[in-house]
């Protein structure tokens, strides 16, 4: 059974987020590790979507 849930992203999610972002360019903007860390510090909403404990997506709201 698929068990989807959303949780707050942390620095440990950076590799997943950067890889997923890079794999979906040019549909999304470039995201560097420096920019991700900046977003992590200034954004009110950075979430990871998980399915059975595996990261499957993310959302950054500025």
N, C-alpha and C. Protein backbone atom coordinates (compact mmCIF):
# COMPACT_ATOMS: atom_id res chain seq x y z
N UNK A 1 0.83 -1.18 0.00
CA UNK A 1 0.00 0.00 0.00
C UNK A 1 0.88 1.25 0.00
N UNK A 2 0.52 2.23 -0.79
CA UNK A 2 1.27 3.47 -0.83
C UNK A 2 0.88 4.35 0.35
N UNK A 3 1.88 4.79 1.07
CA UNK A 3 1.66 5.65 2.22
C UNK A 3 2.41 6.95 1.99
N UNK A 4 1.74 7.93 1.36
CA UNK A 4 2.34 9.23 1.09
C UNK A 4 2.20 10.14 2.30
N UNK A 5 3.25 10.92 2.56
CA UNK A 5 3.17 11.93 3.60
C UNK A 5 4.15 13.04 3.29
N UNK A 6 3.96 14.18 3.93
CA UNK A 6 4.78 15.36 3.70
C UNK A 6 5.44 15.74 5.02
N UNK A 7 6.74 16.07 4.93
CA UNK A 7 7.45 16.53 6.12
C UNK A 7 8.38 17.67 5.75
N UNK A 8 8.83 18.41 6.73
CA UNK A 8 9.75 19.52 6.49
C UNK A 8 11.09 18.99 5.98
N UNK A 9 11.63 19.68 4.98
CA UNK A 9 12.93 19.32 4.44
C UNK A 9 14.03 19.79 5.38
N UNK A 10 15.12 19.06 5.36
CA UNK A 10 16.30 19.41 6.15
C UNK A 10 17.53 19.38 5.23
N UNK A 11 18.65 19.77 5.77
CA UNK A 11 19.90 19.74 5.00
C UNK A 11 20.20 18.33 4.48
N UNK A 12 19.78 17.31 5.20
CA UNK A 12 20.04 15.94 4.77
C UNK A 12 19.25 15.56 3.51
N UNK A 13 18.27 16.36 3.13
CA UNK A 13 17.50 16.12 1.91
C UNK A 13 18.12 16.78 0.68
N UNK A 14 19.21 17.50 0.87
CA UNK A 14 19.78 18.31 -0.21
C UNK A 14 20.14 17.48 -1.44
N UNK A 15 20.80 16.35 -1.29
CA UNK A 15 21.19 15.55 -2.46
C UNK A 15 19.97 15.11 -3.27
N UNK A 16 18.93 14.65 -2.59
CA UNK A 16 17.71 14.25 -3.29
C UNK A 16 17.11 15.42 -4.05
N UNK A 17 16.98 16.56 -3.39
CA UNK A 17 16.35 17.73 -4.00
C UNK A 17 17.17 18.22 -5.19
N UNK A 18 18.48 18.31 -5.05
CA UNK A 18 19.31 18.78 -6.16
C UNK A 18 19.27 17.82 -7.33
N UNK A 19 19.31 16.52 -7.08
CA UNK A 19 19.25 15.52 -8.15
C UNK A 19 17.92 15.55 -8.87
N UNK A 20 16.82 15.60 -8.13
CA UNK A 20 15.50 15.65 -8.76
C UNK A 20 15.35 16.92 -9.58
N UNK A 21 15.81 18.04 -9.03
CA UNK A 21 15.73 19.31 -9.74
C UNK A 21 16.54 19.24 -11.04
N UNK A 22 17.77 18.76 -10.96
CA UNK A 22 18.64 18.69 -12.14
C UNK A 22 18.04 17.78 -13.21
N UNK A 23 17.42 16.68 -12.81
CA UNK A 23 16.83 15.73 -13.76
C UNK A 23 15.60 16.28 -14.45
N UNK A 24 15.06 17.38 -13.97
CA UNK A 24 13.84 17.95 -14.56
C UNK A 24 14.06 19.31 -15.21
N UNK A 25 15.32 19.66 -15.44
CA UNK A 25 15.60 20.90 -16.17
C UNK A 25 15.38 20.61 -17.65
N UNK A 26 14.90 21.51 -18.46
CA UNK A 26 14.71 22.93 -18.22
C UNK A 26 13.31 23.29 -17.72
N UNK A 27 12.52 22.31 -17.35
CA UNK A 27 11.16 22.61 -16.87
C UNK A 27 11.18 23.38 -15.55
N UNK A 28 12.28 23.29 -14.83
CA UNK A 28 12.45 24.02 -13.56
C UNK A 28 13.74 24.82 -13.63
N UNK A 29 13.89 25.77 -12.74
CA UNK A 29 15.09 26.61 -12.70
C UNK A 29 16.26 25.85 -12.08
N UNK A 30 17.46 26.29 -12.41
CA UNK A 30 18.67 25.73 -11.82
C UNK A 30 18.66 25.93 -10.31
N UNK A 31 19.08 24.91 -9.57
CA UNK A 31 19.16 25.00 -8.12
C UNK A 31 20.52 24.46 -7.69
N UNK A 32 21.36 25.33 -7.15
CA UNK A 32 22.68 24.93 -6.66
C UNK A 32 22.58 24.59 -5.18
N UNK A 33 23.63 23.97 -4.66
CA UNK A 33 23.63 23.66 -3.22
C UNK A 33 23.61 24.94 -2.40
N UNK A 34 24.32 25.98 -2.85
CA UNK A 34 24.30 27.26 -2.12
C UNK A 34 22.91 27.87 -2.09
N UNK A 35 22.22 27.82 -3.23
CA UNK A 35 20.87 28.38 -3.30
C UNK A 35 19.90 27.56 -2.45
N UNK A 36 20.04 26.22 -2.47
CA UNK A 36 19.19 25.39 -1.62
C UNK A 36 19.37 25.75 -0.15
N UNK A 37 20.61 25.89 0.29
CA UNK A 37 20.87 26.23 1.69
C UNK A 37 20.31 27.60 2.04
N UNK A 38 20.38 28.54 1.09
CA UNK A 38 19.78 29.86 1.31
C UNK A 38 18.27 29.72 1.47
N UNK A 39 17.64 28.96 0.56
CA UNK A 39 16.19 28.74 0.66
C UNK A 39 15.83 28.06 1.97
N UNK A 40 16.64 27.12 2.40
CA UNK A 40 16.38 26.41 3.66
C UNK A 40 16.35 27.38 4.83
N UNK A 41 17.17 28.41 4.76
CA UNK A 41 17.24 29.40 5.85
C UNK A 41 16.17 30.49 5.77
N UNK A 42 15.71 30.83 4.56
CA UNK A 42 14.79 31.96 4.44
C UNK A 42 13.35 31.57 4.14
N UNK A 43 13.13 30.36 3.67
CA UNK A 43 11.79 29.97 3.25
C UNK A 43 10.95 29.50 4.43
N UNK A 44 9.69 29.86 4.40
CA UNK A 44 8.74 29.36 5.40
C UNK A 44 8.22 27.97 5.06
N UNK A 45 8.43 27.54 3.80
CA UNK A 45 7.83 26.28 3.37
C UNK A 45 8.76 25.54 2.43
N UNK A 46 9.49 24.57 2.95
CA UNK A 46 10.27 23.63 2.14
C UNK A 46 9.89 22.24 2.64
N UNK A 47 9.23 21.49 1.78
CA UNK A 47 8.69 20.19 2.18
C UNK A 47 9.20 19.09 1.27
N UNK A 48 9.27 17.90 1.82
CA UNK A 48 9.61 16.68 1.10
C UNK A 48 8.37 15.79 1.09
N UNK A 49 8.06 15.24 -0.07
CA UNK A 49 6.96 14.29 -0.18
C UNK A 49 7.59 12.90 -0.18
N UNK A 50 7.08 12.05 0.69
CA UNK A 50 7.62 10.69 0.81
C UNK A 50 6.53 9.66 0.57
N UNK A 51 6.96 8.53 0.06
CA UNK A 51 6.10 7.38 -0.15
C UNK A 51 6.78 6.19 0.51
N UNK A 52 6.18 5.69 1.55
CA UNK A 52 6.77 4.56 2.28
C UNK A 52 8.23 4.84 2.64
N UNK A 53 8.51 6.00 3.18
CA UNK A 53 9.84 6.44 3.65
C UNK A 53 10.84 6.73 2.53
N UNK A 54 10.41 6.73 1.26
CA UNK A 54 11.29 7.10 0.15
C UNK A 54 10.88 8.48 -0.37
N UNK A 55 11.85 9.38 -0.49
CA UNK A 55 11.57 10.72 -1.01
C UNK A 55 11.17 10.61 -2.48
N UNK A 56 10.06 11.27 -2.83
CA UNK A 56 9.56 11.22 -4.21
C UNK A 56 9.32 12.60 -4.81
N UNK A 57 9.38 13.65 -4.00
CA UNK A 57 9.15 14.99 -4.51
C UNK A 57 9.46 16.04 -3.46
N UNK A 58 9.42 17.30 -3.89
CA UNK A 58 9.65 18.40 -2.96
C UNK A 58 8.93 19.64 -3.44
N UNK A 59 8.76 20.58 -2.53
CA UNK A 59 8.15 21.87 -2.84
C UNK A 59 8.85 22.94 -2.02
N UNK A 60 9.28 23.99 -2.70
CA UNK A 60 9.87 25.14 -2.03
C UNK A 60 8.96 26.33 -2.28
N UNK A 61 8.42 26.87 -1.22
CA UNK A 61 7.57 28.06 -1.33
C UNK A 61 8.27 29.25 -0.72
N UNK A 62 8.43 30.29 -1.51
CA UNK A 62 9.11 31.49 -1.02
C UNK A 62 8.13 32.59 -0.72
